[in-house]
Amino acid sequence: MTDAIVFTPAFKHTPWVDTRDRVSASGPNGFNIRFDTLQKDLESLSGVVKTIDTAIKLTGQHIAVERKLSVAPAFAPLAGDPNWELDTNGVAVRPATAVSARGIVAVAPPDGAKLLKFRALGTNTGSGTLNILLVRSPISQTPNQQNLSRVVGAGTYDLSENIQPGMERVDMNAFRYSVKASLVSASTSDTVTIASVQISYILD
């Protein structure tokens, strides 16, 4: 809890009395000591005003807090390749008889957010190449996907990658956003999974 902001004036006026008091500059009841006390009060009041001004400005500041969008790896199929399967825990796994897999899932980060990191975690025990991409596609008749970030999954992986410079700002008016996962050249004995995907961002 912050301390209270207080101003206690030191000046207390003592009225002069006609025909009794003589107006003078010096002395305990003179102009000098009275105006000196007033000046000190005004200086103290100025400091209080500055403290209040600083407190108001701090209250109005928006502090950007990092947030995370967690994405379940429920990939939709892409033409030409086997799709990922989901196990009973909701983890995307390589189809048992397939050596490749491709899929895509839509994501919706907040419009105007600044993307920070793209994270993916899972397992790839074989020599197959596993790419997990955060992409955006222009809202148009012929959208060409743009890669924002990529995680290459090998072994037991839990990786966070940066967003491409200049592409961090989410613009839902101009783009739609997705996560794509592609596995090629795997073996049927490989364990390949995508347990979860996460996007970190700030609202600044």
N, C-alpha and C. Protein backbone atom coordinates (compact mmCIF):
# COMPACT_ATOMS: atom_id res chain seq x y z
N MET A 1 0.85 -1.19 0.00
CA MET A 1 0.00 0.00 0.00
C MET A 1 0.88 1.24 0.00
N THR A 2 0.61 2.24 -0.87
CA THR A 2 1.44 3.42 -0.98
C THR A 2 1.12 4.40 0.14
N ASP A 3 2.13 5.26 0.46
CA ASP A 3 1.92 6.27 1.49
C ASP A 3 0.94 7.33 0.99
N ALA A 4 0.19 7.92 1.93
CA ALA A 4 -0.74 8.99 1.57
C ALA A 4 0.03 10.24 1.17
N ILE A 5 -0.52 11.00 0.24
CA ILE A 5 0.07 12.27 -0.18
C ILE A 5 -0.58 13.37 0.64
N VAL A 6 0.23 14.05 1.47
CA VAL A 6 -0.32 15.01 2.45
C VAL A 6 0.42 16.33 2.33
N PHE A 7 -0.32 17.42 2.45
CA PHE A 7 0.27 18.76 2.56
C PHE A 7 -0.25 19.41 3.84
N THR A 8 0.66 19.75 4.75
CA THR A 8 0.29 20.42 6.01
C THR A 8 0.92 21.81 6.02
N PRO A 9 0.14 22.85 5.87
CA PRO A 9 0.72 24.20 5.82
C PRO A 9 1.31 24.60 7.17
N ALA A 10 2.44 25.31 7.10
CA ALA A 10 3.09 25.79 8.32
C ALA A 10 2.61 27.20 8.69
N PHE A 11 2.14 27.95 7.68
CA PHE A 11 1.73 29.34 7.93
C PHE A 11 0.37 29.39 8.63
N LYS A 12 0.32 30.14 9.71
CA LYS A 12 -0.94 30.39 10.41
C LYS A 12 -1.01 31.90 10.69
N HIS A 13 -1.99 32.51 10.10
CA HIS A 13 -2.08 33.97 10.19
C HIS A 13 -2.54 34.42 11.58
N THR A 14 -1.79 35.34 12.14
CA THR A 14 -2.20 36.00 13.39
C THR A 14 -2.64 37.41 13.04
N PRO A 15 -3.90 37.74 13.21
CA PRO A 15 -4.39 39.06 12.80
C PRO A 15 -3.70 40.20 13.54
N TRP A 16 -3.42 41.24 12.77
CA TRP A 16 -2.95 42.46 13.41
C TRP A 16 -4.15 43.22 14.02
N VAL A 17 -3.84 43.99 15.06
CA VAL A 17 -4.89 44.76 15.75
C VAL A 17 -4.61 46.25 15.55
N ASP A 18 -5.63 46.97 15.10
CA ASP A 18 -5.48 48.41 14.90
C ASP A 18 -5.05 49.10 16.19
N THR A 19 -4.21 50.09 16.00
CA THR A 19 -3.69 50.97 17.07
C THR A 19 -2.81 50.25 18.08
N ARG A 20 -2.75 48.89 17.96
CA ARG A 20 -1.88 48.17 18.88
C ARG A 20 -0.60 47.68 18.19
N ASP A 21 -0.76 47.03 17.02
CA ASP A 21 0.39 46.45 16.32
C ASP A 21 0.97 47.46 15.35
N ARG A 22 2.28 47.52 15.33
CA ARG A 22 2.98 48.33 14.34
C ARG A 22 3.47 47.40 13.23
N VAL A 23 3.18 47.78 12.00
CA VAL A 23 3.63 46.98 10.86
C VAL A 23 5.13 47.14 10.71
N SER A 24 5.84 46.00 10.67
CA SER A 24 7.30 46.04 10.55
C SER A 24 7.78 44.86 9.71
N ALA A 25 8.99 44.97 9.20
CA ALA A 25 9.55 43.89 8.38
C ALA A 25 10.15 42.80 9.23
N SER A 26 10.80 43.15 10.31
CA SER A 26 11.49 42.16 11.14
C SER A 26 10.63 41.79 12.34
N GLY A 27 11.20 40.89 13.14
CA GLY A 27 10.51 40.49 14.34
C GLY A 27 9.63 39.27 14.14
N PRO A 28 9.16 38.66 15.24
CA PRO A 28 8.37 37.42 15.16
C PRO A 28 7.01 37.60 14.50
N ASN A 29 6.54 38.84 14.39
CA ASN A 29 5.24 39.09 13.76
C ASN A 29 5.37 40.01 12.55
N GLY A 30 6.61 40.07 12.00
CA GLY A 30 6.85 40.98 10.88
C GLY A 30 6.54 40.35 9.53
N PHE A 31 6.63 41.23 8.49
CA PHE A 31 6.36 40.76 7.14
C PHE A 31 7.33 39.66 6.71
N ASN A 32 8.60 39.81 7.06
CA ASN A 32 9.61 38.88 6.56
C ASN A 32 9.33 37.44 6.97
N ILE A 33 9.09 37.24 8.26
CA ILE A 33 8.89 35.86 8.71
C ILE A 33 7.58 35.29 8.17
N ARG A 34 6.58 36.14 8.00
CA ARG A 34 5.32 35.65 7.45
C ARG A 34 5.47 35.24 5.99
N PHE A 35 6.09 36.11 5.20
CA PHE A 35 6.26 35.78 3.78
C PHE A 35 7.23 34.62 3.58
N ASP A 36 8.23 34.53 4.48
CA ASP A 36 9.16 33.39 4.39
C ASP A 36 8.42 32.08 4.64
N THR A 37 7.52 32.08 5.63
CA THR A 37 6.73 30.87 5.91
C THR A 37 5.81 30.54 4.75
N LEU A 38 5.19 31.58 4.15
CA LEU A 38 4.33 31.36 2.98
C LEU A 38 5.12 30.76 1.81
N GLN A 39 6.33 31.28 1.59
CA GLN A 39 7.16 30.77 0.50
C GLN A 39 7.49 29.30 0.71
N LYS A 40 7.84 28.94 1.93
CA LYS A 40 8.15 27.54 2.21
C LYS A 40 6.93 26.65 2.02
N ASP A 41 5.75 27.15 2.40
CA ASP A 41 4.52 26.39 2.17
C ASP A 41 4.28 26.17 0.68
N LEU A 42 4.49 27.22 -0.12
CA LEU A 42 4.28 27.09 -1.56
C LEU A 42 5.28 26.11 -2.18
N GLU A 43 6.52 26.13 -1.72
CA GLU A 43 7.51 25.18 -2.22
C GLU A 43 7.11 23.75 -1.86
N SER A 44 6.64 23.58 -0.62
CA SER A 44 6.19 22.25 -0.20
C SER A 44 4.99 21.80 -1.02
N LEU A 45 4.05 22.74 -1.26
CA LEU A 45 2.87 22.42 -2.07
C LEU A 45 3.26 22.05 -3.49
N SER A 46 4.26 22.73 -4.03
CA SER A 46 4.74 22.41 -5.38
C SER A 46 5.26 20.97 -5.44
N GLY A 47 5.98 20.55 -4.40
CA GLY A 47 6.46 19.17 -4.36
C GLY A 47 5.33 18.17 -4.30
N VAL A 48 4.27 18.49 -3.55
CA VAL A 48 3.11 17.61 -3.46
C VAL A 48 2.42 17.50 -4.82
N VAL A 49 2.29 18.63 -5.52
CA VAL A 49 1.67 18.62 -6.85
C VAL A 49 2.48 17.74 -7.81
N LYS A 50 3.79 17.82 -7.76
CA LYS A 50 4.63 16.98 -8.62
C LYS A 50 4.44 15.50 -8.30
N THR A 51 4.34 15.19 -7.00
CA THR A 51 4.12 13.80 -6.60
C THR A 51 2.79 13.28 -7.14
N ILE A 52 1.75 14.12 -7.04
CA ILE A 52 0.43 13.72 -7.55
C ILE A 52 0.48 13.54 -9.06
N ASP A 53 1.16 14.47 -9.75
CA ASP A 53 1.27 14.38 -11.21
C ASP A 53 1.96 13.09 -11.63
N THR A 54 3.05 12.74 -10.93
CA THR A 54 3.77 11.50 -11.25
C THR A 54 2.88 10.28 -11.01
N ALA A 55 2.13 10.29 -9.91
CA ALA A 55 1.25 9.16 -9.59
C ALA A 55 0.16 9.01 -10.65
N ILE A 56 -0.41 10.13 -11.11
CA ILE A 56 -1.45 10.07 -12.13
C ILE A 56 -0.90 9.51 -13.43
N LYS A 57 0.30 9.95 -13.81
CA LYS A 57 0.91 9.46 -15.06
C LYS A 57 1.21 7.97 -14.98
N LEU A 58 1.68 7.52 -13.82
CA LEU A 58 1.96 6.09 -13.67
C LEU A 58 0.69 5.27 -13.73
N THR A 59 -0.40 5.81 -13.16
CA THR A 59 -1.68 5.10 -13.19
C THR A 59 -2.18 4.95 -14.61
N GLY A 60 -1.92 5.94 -15.45
CA GLY A 60 -2.41 5.91 -16.83
C GLY A 60 -1.56 5.08 -17.77
N GLN A 61 -0.38 4.65 -17.35
CA GLN A 61 0.49 3.87 -18.22
C GLN A 61 -0.06 2.46 -18.42
N HIS A 62 0.04 1.99 -19.67
CA HIS A 62 -0.36 0.61 -19.97
C HIS A 62 0.87 -0.28 -19.94
N ILE A 63 0.87 -1.25 -19.05
CA ILE A 63 1.99 -2.17 -18.94
C ILE A 63 1.68 -3.41 -19.75
N ALA A 64 2.51 -3.66 -20.75
CA ALA A 64 2.30 -4.82 -21.62
C ALA A 64 2.70 -6.10 -20.87
N VAL A 65 1.78 -7.04 -20.81
CA VAL A 65 2.02 -8.31 -20.13
C VAL A 65 2.05 -9.42 -21.17
N GLU A 66 3.06 -10.27 -21.10
CA GLU A 66 3.15 -11.38 -22.05
C GLU A 66 2.03 -12.39 -21.79
N ARG A 67 1.35 -12.77 -22.85
CA ARG A 67 0.28 -13.75 -22.77
C ARG A 67 0.58 -14.89 -23.72
N LYS A 68 -0.14 -16.00 -23.55
CA LYS A 68 0.10 -17.18 -24.38
C LYS A 68 -1.21 -17.72 -24.93
N LEU A 69 -1.16 -18.10 -26.19
CA LEU A 69 -2.26 -18.78 -26.85
C LEU A 69 -1.84 -20.23 -27.06
N SER A 70 -2.48 -21.15 -26.34
CA SER A 70 -2.16 -22.58 -26.47
C SER A 70 -3.09 -23.20 -27.50
N VAL A 71 -2.49 -23.98 -28.40
CA VAL A 71 -3.23 -24.54 -29.54
C VAL A 71 -3.21 -26.06 -29.45
N ALA A 72 -4.38 -26.67 -29.45
CA ALA A 72 -4.46 -28.13 -29.52
C ALA A 72 -4.07 -28.58 -30.93
N PRO A 73 -3.22 -29.60 -31.06
CA PRO A 73 -2.73 -30.02 -32.39
C PRO A 73 -3.73 -30.87 -33.16
N ALA A 74 -4.95 -30.36 -33.29
CA ALA A 74 -6.01 -31.09 -34.01
C ALA A 74 -5.97 -30.67 -35.48
N PHE A 75 -4.99 -31.20 -36.20
CA PHE A 75 -4.74 -30.76 -37.58
C PHE A 75 -5.80 -31.29 -38.54
N ALA A 76 -6.24 -30.41 -39.44
CA ALA A 76 -7.09 -30.83 -40.55
C ALA A 76 -6.19 -31.33 -41.68
N PRO A 77 -6.68 -32.25 -42.51
CA PRO A 77 -5.84 -32.82 -43.56
C PRO A 77 -5.55 -31.82 -44.68
N LEU A 78 -4.39 -31.99 -45.30
CA LEU A 78 -4.03 -31.25 -46.51
C LEU A 78 -3.95 -32.24 -47.67
N ALA A 79 -4.35 -31.80 -48.83
CA ALA A 79 -4.43 -32.69 -50.00
C ALA A 79 -3.07 -33.31 -50.31
N GLY A 80 -3.10 -34.61 -50.60
CA GLY A 80 -1.91 -35.29 -51.10
C GLY A 80 -1.10 -36.05 -50.09
N ASP A 81 -1.37 -35.89 -48.81
CA ASP A 81 -0.58 -36.58 -47.78
C ASP A 81 -1.49 -37.09 -46.67
N PRO A 82 -1.05 -38.14 -45.96
CA PRO A 82 -1.81 -38.59 -44.79
C PRO A 82 -1.87 -37.48 -43.74
N ASN A 83 -2.96 -37.45 -43.01
CA ASN A 83 -3.10 -36.46 -41.94
C ASN A 83 -2.58 -37.04 -40.63
N TRP A 84 -2.26 -36.16 -39.71
CA TRP A 84 -1.90 -36.57 -38.37
C TRP A 84 -3.11 -37.20 -37.68
N GLU A 85 -2.83 -38.13 -36.78
CA GLU A 85 -3.89 -38.72 -35.96
C GLU A 85 -3.77 -38.19 -34.54
N LEU A 86 -4.86 -38.20 -33.81
CA LEU A 86 -4.85 -37.81 -32.41
C LEU A 86 -4.96 -39.04 -31.52
N ASP A 87 -4.07 -39.11 -30.51
CA ASP A 87 -4.19 -40.21 -29.56
C ASP A 87 -5.22 -39.84 -28.48
N THR A 88 -5.38 -40.68 -27.50
CA THR A 88 -6.41 -40.45 -26.48
C THR A 88 -6.12 -39.25 -25.59
N ASN A 89 -4.90 -38.74 -25.63
CA ASN A 89 -4.54 -37.55 -24.85
C ASN A 89 -4.60 -36.27 -25.68
N GLY A 90 -5.05 -36.39 -26.94
CA GLY A 90 -5.11 -35.22 -27.80
C GLY A 90 -3.78 -34.81 -28.38
N VAL A 91 -2.82 -35.74 -28.41
CA VAL A 91 -1.50 -35.49 -29.00
C VAL A 91 -1.53 -35.94 -30.45
N ALA A 92 -1.00 -35.09 -31.34
CA ALA A 92 -0.90 -35.47 -32.75
C ALA A 92 0.22 -36.49 -32.93
N VAL A 93 -0.08 -37.60 -33.61
CA VAL A 93 0.91 -38.67 -33.81
C VAL A 93 0.95 -39.05 -35.29
N ARG A 94 2.11 -39.57 -35.69
CA ARG A 94 2.26 -40.07 -37.06
C ARG A 94 1.35 -41.28 -37.26
N PRO A 95 0.60 -41.33 -38.37
CA PRO A 95 -0.21 -42.52 -38.63
C PRO A 95 0.67 -43.77 -38.65
N ALA A 96 0.16 -44.86 -38.12
CA ALA A 96 0.98 -46.06 -37.87
C ALA A 96 1.69 -46.57 -39.11
N THR A 97 1.06 -46.53 -40.27
CA THR A 97 1.65 -47.11 -41.48
C THR A 97 2.23 -46.06 -42.42
N ALA A 98 2.26 -44.80 -42.01
CA ALA A 98 2.69 -43.72 -42.89
C ALA A 98 4.10 -43.26 -42.54
N VAL A 99 4.82 -42.82 -43.57
CA VAL A 99 6.16 -42.26 -43.36
C VAL A 99 6.15 -40.74 -43.55
N SER A 100 4.98 -40.19 -43.78
CA SER A 100 4.83 -38.74 -43.91
C SER A 100 3.46 -38.34 -43.36
N ALA A 101 3.32 -37.07 -43.08
CA ALA A 101 2.04 -36.54 -42.59
C ALA A 101 2.05 -35.03 -42.77
N ARG A 102 0.88 -34.51 -43.08
CA ARG A 102 0.74 -33.05 -43.19
C ARG A 102 -0.63 -32.64 -42.67
N GLY A 103 -0.67 -31.49 -42.03
CA GLY A 103 -1.95 -30.99 -41.55
C GLY A 103 -1.87 -29.52 -41.20
N ILE A 104 -3.03 -28.92 -40.98
CA ILE A 104 -3.10 -27.49 -40.68
C ILE A 104 -4.21 -27.25 -39.67
N VAL A 105 -3.99 -26.28 -38.78
CA VAL A 105 -5.01 -25.89 -37.81
C VAL A 105 -5.05 -24.37 -37.74
N ALA A 106 -6.25 -23.81 -37.76
CA ALA A 106 -6.40 -22.35 -37.70
C ALA A 106 -6.16 -21.86 -36.28
N VAL A 107 -5.55 -20.68 -36.18
CA VAL A 107 -5.35 -20.03 -34.88
C VAL A 107 -5.84 -18.59 -34.99
N ALA A 108 -6.20 -18.01 -33.86
CA ALA A 108 -6.76 -16.65 -33.86
C ALA A 108 -6.16 -15.82 -32.74
N PRO A 109 -4.91 -15.37 -32.91
CA PRO A 109 -4.36 -14.44 -31.92
C PRO A 109 -5.13 -13.13 -31.96
N PRO A 110 -5.14 -12.37 -30.87
CA PRO A 110 -5.91 -11.12 -30.83
C PRO A 110 -5.44 -10.13 -31.89
N ASP A 111 -6.40 -9.50 -32.53
CA ASP A 111 -6.07 -8.50 -33.54
C ASP A 111 -5.28 -7.36 -32.90
N GLY A 112 -4.19 -6.97 -33.55
CA GLY A 112 -3.35 -5.90 -33.04
C GLY A 112 -2.27 -6.34 -32.09
N ALA A 113 -2.29 -7.61 -31.67
CA ALA A 113 -1.26 -8.11 -30.76
C ALA A 113 0.10 -8.15 -31.45
N LYS A 114 1.14 -8.09 -30.64
CA LYS A 114 2.51 -8.25 -31.16
C LYS A 114 2.98 -9.65 -30.80
N LEU A 115 3.22 -10.47 -31.82
CA LEU A 115 3.68 -11.84 -31.60
C LEU A 115 5.14 -11.83 -31.15
N LEU A 116 5.46 -12.68 -30.19
CA LEU A 116 6.82 -12.74 -29.64
C LEU A 116 7.53 -14.03 -30.00
N LYS A 117 6.90 -15.17 -29.68
CA LYS A 117 7.55 -16.47 -29.85
C LYS A 117 6.55 -17.50 -30.35
N PHE A 118 7.08 -18.50 -31.04
CA PHE A 118 6.29 -19.64 -31.48
C PHE A 118 6.94 -20.88 -30.89
N ARG A 119 6.16 -21.64 -30.12
CA ARG A 119 6.70 -22.79 -29.39
C ARG A 119 5.98 -24.07 -29.81
N ALA A 120 6.75 -25.14 -29.92
CA ALA A 120 6.16 -26.47 -30.17
C ALA A 120 6.94 -27.49 -29.36
N LEU A 121 6.23 -28.53 -28.90
CA LEU A 121 6.89 -29.59 -28.14
C LEU A 121 6.31 -30.94 -28.50
N GLY A 122 7.18 -31.94 -28.44
CA GLY A 122 6.77 -33.30 -28.79
C GLY A 122 7.99 -34.19 -28.91
N THR A 123 7.89 -35.19 -29.79
CA THR A 123 8.95 -36.20 -29.92
C THR A 123 9.13 -36.56 -31.39
N ASN A 124 10.39 -36.76 -31.78
CA ASN A 124 10.72 -37.29 -33.10
C ASN A 124 11.95 -38.18 -32.94
N THR A 125 11.72 -39.48 -32.82
CA THR A 125 12.83 -40.39 -32.50
C THR A 125 13.62 -40.84 -33.72
N GLY A 126 13.11 -40.58 -34.92
CA GLY A 126 13.76 -41.08 -36.12
C GLY A 126 14.51 -40.00 -36.87
N SER A 127 14.80 -40.29 -38.14
CA SER A 127 15.55 -39.36 -38.98
C SER A 127 14.64 -38.56 -39.91
N GLY A 128 13.33 -38.73 -39.77
CA GLY A 128 12.40 -37.95 -40.59
C GLY A 128 12.46 -36.47 -40.23
N THR A 129 12.15 -35.63 -41.21
CA THR A 129 12.19 -34.18 -41.01
C THR A 129 10.81 -33.67 -40.60
N LEU A 130 10.75 -33.06 -39.43
CA LEU A 130 9.49 -32.53 -38.89
C LEU A 130 9.58 -31.02 -38.81
N ASN A 131 8.74 -30.34 -39.57
CA ASN A 131 8.66 -28.88 -39.55
C ASN A 131 7.28 -28.46 -39.04
N ILE A 132 7.28 -27.58 -38.06
CA ILE A 132 6.03 -27.02 -37.53
C ILE A 132 6.10 -25.51 -37.75
N LEU A 133 5.16 -24.99 -38.52
CA LEU A 133 5.23 -23.62 -38.99
C LEU A 133 4.05 -22.79 -38.49
N LEU A 134 4.34 -21.56 -38.10
CA LEU A 134 3.30 -20.56 -37.91
C LEU A 134 3.24 -19.73 -39.18
N VAL A 135 2.08 -19.69 -39.82
CA VAL A 135 1.96 -19.02 -41.12
C VAL A 135 0.78 -18.05 -41.09
N ARG A 136 0.81 -17.13 -42.04
CA ARG A 136 -0.34 -16.27 -42.28
C ARG A 136 -0.62 -16.23 -43.78
N SER A 137 -1.88 -16.05 -44.13
CA SER A 137 -2.29 -16.02 -45.53
C SER A 137 -3.11 -14.75 -45.77
N PRO A 138 -2.78 -13.99 -46.80
CA PRO A 138 -3.56 -12.78 -47.10
C PRO A 138 -5.02 -13.13 -47.40
N ILE A 139 -5.91 -12.24 -47.01
CA ILE A 139 -7.32 -12.41 -47.33
C ILE A 139 -7.51 -12.02 -48.79
N SER A 140 -7.44 -13.00 -49.67
CA SER A 140 -7.55 -12.74 -51.11
C SER A 140 -8.00 -14.01 -51.80
N GLN A 141 -8.29 -13.90 -53.09
CA GLN A 141 -8.71 -15.06 -53.88
C GLN A 141 -7.56 -16.04 -54.08
N THR A 142 -6.34 -15.55 -54.10
CA THR A 142 -5.16 -16.42 -54.30
C THR A 142 -4.15 -16.15 -53.19
N PRO A 143 -4.43 -16.62 -51.99
CA PRO A 143 -3.54 -16.33 -50.86
C PRO A 143 -2.23 -17.11 -50.94
N ASN A 144 -1.13 -16.41 -50.81
CA ASN A 144 0.18 -17.05 -50.73
C ASN A 144 0.66 -17.00 -49.28
N GLN A 145 0.85 -18.18 -48.71
CA GLN A 145 1.21 -18.25 -47.29
C GLN A 145 2.58 -17.65 -47.04
N GLN A 146 2.69 -17.00 -45.91
CA GLN A 146 3.95 -16.42 -45.46
C GLN A 146 4.34 -17.07 -44.14
N ASN A 147 5.58 -17.53 -44.05
CA ASN A 147 6.06 -18.17 -42.83
C ASN A 147 6.46 -17.11 -41.80
N LEU A 148 5.85 -17.19 -40.63
CA LEU A 148 6.19 -16.28 -39.55
C LEU A 148 7.26 -16.86 -38.63
N SER A 149 7.23 -18.17 -38.44
CA SER A 149 8.21 -18.82 -37.56
C SER A 149 8.19 -20.32 -37.83
N ARG A 150 9.30 -20.98 -37.48
CA ARG A 150 9.39 -22.43 -37.73
C ARG A 150 10.12 -23.12 -36.59
N VAL A 151 9.56 -24.23 -36.15
CA VAL A 151 10.22 -25.13 -35.21
C VAL A 151 10.55 -26.41 -35.94
N VAL A 152 11.80 -26.84 -35.85
CA VAL A 152 12.23 -28.12 -36.41
C VAL A 152 12.32 -29.11 -35.26
N GLY A 153 11.44 -30.12 -35.28
CA GLY A 153 11.37 -31.07 -34.18
C GLY A 153 12.29 -32.25 -34.37
N ALA A 154 13.21 -32.45 -33.44
CA ALA A 154 14.12 -33.59 -33.47
C ALA A 154 14.36 -34.06 -32.05
N GLY A 155 14.35 -35.41 -31.86
CA GLY A 155 14.48 -35.95 -30.51
C GLY A 155 13.27 -35.56 -29.67
N THR A 156 13.50 -35.42 -28.38
CA THR A 156 12.45 -34.87 -27.51
C THR A 156 12.62 -33.36 -27.54
N TYR A 157 11.72 -32.68 -28.19
CA TYR A 157 11.92 -31.25 -28.45
C TYR A 157 10.90 -30.40 -27.68
N ASP A 158 11.36 -29.25 -27.29
CA ASP A 158 10.52 -28.20 -26.70
C ASP A 158 11.22 -26.90 -27.04
N LEU A 159 10.84 -26.31 -28.17
CA LEU A 159 11.58 -25.20 -28.74
C LEU A 159 10.68 -23.98 -28.92
N SER A 160 11.25 -22.82 -28.66
CA SER A 160 10.58 -21.54 -28.91
C SER A 160 11.41 -20.74 -29.90
N GLU A 161 10.79 -20.33 -30.98
CA GLU A 161 11.50 -19.59 -32.02
C GLU A 161 10.91 -18.19 -32.16
N ASN A 162 11.77 -17.27 -32.63
CA ASN A 162 11.34 -15.89 -32.83
C ASN A 162 10.40 -15.76 -34.02
N ILE A 163 9.67 -14.67 -34.06
CA ILE A 163 8.81 -14.32 -35.19
C ILE A 163 9.65 -13.52 -36.20
N GLN A 164 9.38 -13.75 -37.48
CA GLN A 164 10.12 -13.02 -38.51
C GLN A 164 9.97 -11.51 -38.31
N PRO A 165 11.08 -10.76 -38.37
CA PRO A 165 11.00 -9.31 -38.21
C PRO A 165 10.06 -8.69 -39.24
N GLY A 166 9.26 -7.74 -38.77
CA GLY A 166 8.31 -7.07 -39.65
C GLY A 166 6.98 -7.78 -39.78
N MET A 167 6.86 -8.98 -39.20
CA MET A 167 5.62 -9.74 -39.30
C MET A 167 4.99 -10.00 -37.93
N GLU A 168 5.45 -9.29 -36.92
CA GLU A 168 5.01 -9.57 -35.55
C GLU A 168 3.59 -9.09 -35.26
N ARG A 169 3.14 -8.04 -35.96
CA ARG A 169 1.85 -7.44 -35.62
C ARG A 169 0.70 -8.21 -36.27
N VAL A 170 -0.26 -8.64 -35.44
CA VAL A 170 -1.42 -9.38 -35.95
C VAL A 170 -2.39 -8.42 -36.62
N ASP A 171 -2.79 -8.76 -37.84
CA ASP A 171 -3.74 -7.95 -38.61
C ASP A 171 -4.82 -8.88 -39.15
N MET A 172 -5.89 -9.03 -38.39
CA MET A 172 -6.95 -9.94 -38.80
C MET A 172 -7.78 -9.39 -39.95
N ASN A 173 -7.65 -8.11 -40.26
CA ASN A 173 -8.33 -7.56 -41.43
C ASN A 173 -7.66 -7.98 -42.72
N ALA A 174 -6.35 -8.20 -42.66
CA ALA A 174 -5.59 -8.50 -43.87
C ALA A 174 -5.15 -9.96 -43.98
N PHE A 175 -5.11 -10.69 -42.85
CA PHE A 175 -4.55 -12.05 -42.87
C PHE A 175 -5.39 -13.00 -42.02
N ARG A 176 -5.29 -14.28 -42.34
CA ARG A 176 -5.73 -15.35 -41.44
C ARG A 176 -4.49 -16.14 -41.04
N TYR A 177 -4.53 -16.74 -39.86
CA TYR A 177 -3.34 -17.35 -39.27
C TYR A 177 -3.57 -18.84 -39.02
N SER A 178 -2.49 -19.61 -39.22
CA SER A 178 -2.59 -21.07 -39.08
C SER A 178 -1.27 -21.63 -38.59
N VAL A 179 -1.36 -22.86 -38.09
CA VAL A 179 -0.16 -23.66 -37.79
C VAL A 179 -0.17 -24.87 -38.71
N LYS A 180 0.94 -25.10 -39.39
CA LYS A 180 1.08 -26.25 -40.29
C LYS A 180 2.15 -27.18 -39.73
N ALA A 181 1.92 -28.47 -39.89
CA ALA A 181 2.90 -29.47 -39.44
C ALA A 181 3.15 -30.45 -40.58
N SER A 182 4.43 -30.63 -40.91
CA SER A 182 4.81 -31.48 -42.04
C SER A 182 5.91 -32.46 -41.62
N LEU A 183 5.68 -33.73 -41.88
CA LEU A 183 6.67 -34.78 -41.62
C LEU A 183 6.97 -35.49 -42.93
N VAL A 184 8.27 -35.62 -43.25
CA VAL A 184 8.67 -36.36 -44.45
C VAL A 184 9.83 -37.29 -44.11
N SER A 185 9.93 -38.36 -44.90
CA SER A 185 11.07 -39.30 -44.83
C SER A 185 11.22 -39.97 -43.47
N ALA A 186 10.11 -40.23 -42.81
CA ALA A 186 10.16 -40.96 -41.54
C ALA A 186 10.13 -42.46 -41.81
N SER A 187 10.28 -43.23 -40.77
CA SER A 187 10.17 -44.69 -40.84
C SER A 187 8.94 -45.12 -40.05
N THR A 188 8.39 -46.27 -40.41
CA THR A 188 7.20 -46.75 -39.70
C THR A 188 7.51 -47.15 -38.25
N SER A 189 8.79 -47.23 -37.92
CA SER A 189 9.17 -47.54 -36.53
C SER A 189 9.42 -46.28 -35.70
N ASP A 190 9.38 -45.12 -36.33
CA ASP A 190 9.64 -43.86 -35.62
C ASP A 190 8.45 -43.45 -34.76
N THR A 191 8.77 -42.87 -33.62
CA THR A 191 7.74 -42.20 -32.82
C THR A 191 7.82 -40.71 -33.09
N VAL A 192 6.76 -40.19 -33.69
CA VAL A 192 6.74 -38.76 -34.03
C VAL A 192 5.44 -38.17 -33.49
N THR A 193 5.57 -37.20 -32.62
CA THR A 193 4.39 -36.58 -31.99
C THR A 193 4.52 -35.07 -31.95
N ILE A 194 3.38 -34.42 -31.89
CA ILE A 194 3.30 -32.98 -31.59
C ILE A 194 2.34 -32.86 -30.42
N ALA A 195 2.89 -32.60 -29.24
CA ALA A 195 2.07 -32.60 -28.03
C ALA A 195 1.28 -31.31 -27.87
N SER A 196 1.91 -30.19 -28.21
CA SER A 196 1.22 -28.91 -28.05
C SER A 196 1.96 -27.83 -28.83
N VAL A 197 1.23 -26.78 -29.11
CA VAL A 197 1.79 -25.61 -29.79
C VAL A 197 1.35 -24.38 -29.01
N GLN A 198 2.25 -23.40 -28.91
CA GLN A 198 1.95 -22.20 -28.14
C GLN A 198 2.47 -20.96 -28.87
N ILE A 199 1.70 -19.89 -28.79
CA ILE A 199 2.10 -18.61 -29.36
C ILE A 199 2.09 -17.58 -28.24
N SER A 200 3.22 -16.93 -28.03
CA SER A 200 3.28 -15.88 -27.00
C SER A 200 3.19 -14.51 -27.67
N TYR A 201 2.54 -13.57 -26.97
CA TYR A 201 2.30 -12.25 -27.55
C TYR A 201 2.08 -11.23 -26.44
N ILE A 202 2.09 -9.97 -26.83
CA ILE A 202 1.73 -8.90 -25.91
C ILE A 202 0.70 -8.00 -26.58
N LEU A 203 -0.12 -7.37 -25.76
CA LEU A 203 -1.04 -6.33 -26.23
C LEU A 203 -0.46 -5.00 -25.77
N ASP A 204 0.23 -4.32 -26.67
CA ASP A 204 0.93 -3.08 -26.29
C ASP A 204 0.24 -1.85 -26.84
